[in-house]
Protein backbone atom coordinates (compact mmCIF):
# COMPACT_ATOMS: atom_id res chain seq x y z
CA MET A 1 -14.45 2.73 2.10
CA ILE A 2 -11.55 1.57 -0.26
CA GLY A 3 -9.81 -1.27 1.37
CA ILE A 4 -5.93 -1.35 1.71
CA VAL A 5 -3.91 -4.43 1.68
CA ILE A 6 -0.03 -4.11 2.16
CA VAL A 7 1.89 -6.98 0.66
CA THR A 8 5.54 -7.10 1.65
CA HIS A 9 8.49 -9.16 2.41
CA GLY A 10 8.56 -10.27 5.92
CA GLN A 11 6.84 -8.02 8.60
CA PHE A 12 7.32 -4.66 6.82
CA GLY A 13 3.59 -4.18 6.01
CA ASN A 14 2.63 -4.90 9.72
CA ILE A 15 5.09 -2.39 10.86
CA LEU A 16 3.90 0.19 8.42
CA ILE A 17 0.37 -0.37 9.74
CA ASP A 18 1.56 -0.18 13.50
CA THR A 19 3.35 3.08 12.81
CA ALA A 20 0.33 4.56 11.01
CA GLU A 21 -1.90 3.63 13.80
CA LEU A 22 0.46 5.48 16.33
CA ILE A 23 0.32 8.47 14.18
CA PHE A 24 -3.51 8.42 13.84
CA ASP A 25 -3.89 7.33 17.54
CA SER A 26 -6.51 4.73 16.32
CA ARG A 27 -6.78 1.37 14.52
CA LEU A 28 -6.91 1.41 10.75
CA GLU A 29 -10.16 0.34 9.42
CA ALA A 30 -10.29 -1.99 6.28
CA THR A 31 -6.42 -2.28 6.27
CA ALA A 32 -4.46 -5.39 6.50
CA ALA A 33 -0.82 -6.58 5.88
CA VAL A 34 0.19 -9.83 4.14
CA SER A 35 3.69 -11.02 5.00
CA ILE A 36 5.45 -13.01 2.17
CA ASP A 37 7.79 -15.72 3.16
CA LEU A 38 9.70 -16.77 0.19
CA LYS A 39 9.84 -20.33 1.42
CA GLU A 40 6.16 -20.71 1.13
CA HIS A 41 4.63 -22.24 -1.91
CA VAL A 42 3.30 -19.75 -4.47
CA GLU A 43 -0.24 -20.90 -4.23
CA THR A 44 -0.20 -20.51 -0.43
CA LEU A 45 0.93 -16.95 -0.93
CA ARG A 46 -1.64 -16.23 -3.37
CA LYS A 47 -4.39 -17.54 -0.90
CA LYS A 48 -2.87 -15.30 1.77
CA ILE A 49 -3.19 -12.25 -0.47
CA ASN A 50 -6.69 -13.17 -1.48
CA SER A 51 -7.72 -13.52 2.11
CA GLY A 52 -6.23 -10.13 2.80
CA ILE A 53 -8.40 -8.57 0.09
CA LYS A 54 -11.53 -10.38 1.24
CA GLY A 55 -10.90 -9.20 4.84
CA VAL A 56 -10.73 -5.58 3.83
CA ASN A 57 -13.35 -5.64 0.89
CA GLN A 58 -16.26 -3.11 1.46
CA ASN A 59 -17.18 -3.28 -2.23
CA GLU A 60 -15.63 0.08 -2.97
CA GLY A 61 -12.35 -1.10 -4.44
CA ILE A 62 -9.10 -2.43 -3.04
CA LEU A 63 -5.58 -0.71 -3.01
CA ILE A 64 -2.81 -3.11 -2.81
CA LEU A 65 0.49 -1.43 -1.78
CA THR A 66 3.71 -3.60 -2.19
CA ASP A 67 7.29 -3.05 -1.10
CA MET A 68 9.21 -3.08 -4.29
CA PHE A 69 8.64 -3.47 -8.06
CA GLY A 70 9.70 -6.78 -9.44
CA GLY A 71 9.78 -8.52 -6.05
CA THR A 72 7.64 -11.50 -5.18
CA PRO A 73 4.97 -9.56 -3.29
CA SER A 74 4.55 -7.24 -6.26
CA ASN A 75 4.59 -10.03 -8.85
CA LEU A 76 1.98 -12.03 -6.87
CA SER A 77 -0.13 -9.01 -6.32
CA TYR A 78 -0.23 -8.11 -10.04
CA SER A 79 -2.40 -11.18 -10.76
CA PHE A 80 -5.18 -9.55 -8.65
CA LEU A 81 -5.32 -6.43 -10.69
CA GLU A 82 -8.84 -5.66 -11.91
CA GLU A 83 -9.90 -2.57 -13.59
CA GLY A 84 -11.84 -0.55 -11.38
CA LYS A 85 -11.77 -2.79 -8.44
CA ILE A 86 -8.20 -3.56 -7.55
CA GLU A 87 -5.12 -1.39 -8.08
CA VAL A 88 -1.48 -2.16 -7.13
CA ILE A 89 1.19 0.33 -6.34
CA SER A 90 4.83 -0.78 -5.86
CA GLY A 91 7.30 1.19 -3.56
CA VAL A 92 5.05 1.63 -0.47
CA ASN A 93 6.49 4.10 2.14
CA LEU A 94 4.74 5.48 5.33
CA PRO A 95 3.76 8.81 3.75
CA MET A 96 1.86 6.89 0.96
CA LEU A 97 0.07 4.81 3.53
CA ILE A 98 -0.83 7.93 5.52
CA LYS A 99 -2.05 9.67 2.31
CA ALA A 100 -4.07 6.58 1.31
CA VAL A 101 -5.76 6.32 4.75
CA ASN A 102 -6.69 10.12 4.54
CA LEU A 103 -7.80 10.03 0.82
CA ARG A 104 -10.09 7.00 1.02
CA LYS A 105 -12.41 8.92 3.32
CA LYS A 106 -12.87 11.48 0.46
CA GLU A 107 -12.14 9.69 -2.71
CA ASN A 108 -14.29 6.95 -4.05
CA ASP A 109 -12.65 6.55 -7.47
CA LEU A 110 -10.01 3.88 -7.00
CA HIS A 111 -7.91 4.72 -10.00
CA SER A 112 -7.72 8.49 -9.31
CA MET A 113 -6.81 7.72 -5.67
CA ALA A 114 -4.11 5.29 -6.78
CA LYS A 115 -2.69 8.06 -9.17
CA THR A 116 -2.59 10.64 -6.46
CA ILE A 117 -0.84 8.23 -3.87
CA GLU A 118 1.76 7.22 -6.49
CA ALA A 119 2.66 10.86 -7.15
CA TYR A 120 2.58 11.74 -3.45
CA GLY A 121 4.95 8.74 -2.73
CA LYS A 122 7.41 9.98 -5.22
CA LYS A 123 7.21 13.57 -3.87
CA SER A 124 7.85 12.32 -0.34
CA ILE A 125 11.28 11.34 -1.03
CA SER A 126 13.99 13.88 -0.49
CA LEU A 127 17.81 14.19 -0.17
CA ALA A 128 18.61 16.01 3.09
CA SER A 129 21.72 17.63 1.80
CA GLU A 130 19.87 19.28 -0.95
CA LEU A 131 17.20 20.59 1.31
CA VAL A 132 19.85 21.93 3.51
CA LYS A 133 21.51 23.79 0.69
CA GLY A 134 18.23 25.40 -0.10
CA ASN A 135 17.61 23.51 -3.30
CA LYS A 136 14.00 23.09 -4.03
CA ARG A 137 12.24 19.62 -4.41
CA GLY A 138 10.98 19.03 -7.85
């Protein structure tokens, strides 16, 4: 199973996992959150991310989901990129996490899974007023 590590500012990752567990009505296997406190030293934060990776690693790859491109959680996570082993996607949202949990049961190619989740995350964003007017999502 592909491991999932959610690296975010504050407790956002924990909240995403808690919410997904409510939706699935079960604990998420091989999934962890790493909370980034900007007051902590960079090396301490890297060690926290590394520990999160080790905690979910089942030797089938790791998907790191971060909250926003260019933020400290993303910038720190990029240093763990490893082709075929660790992928990083920025801009995590709840639909992306749910899709990732469902996909990893079927998908064993980390890069393909990451591409699918990236596209799904973008499609999961909608402007309600456009939907109400009958405009199609693109």
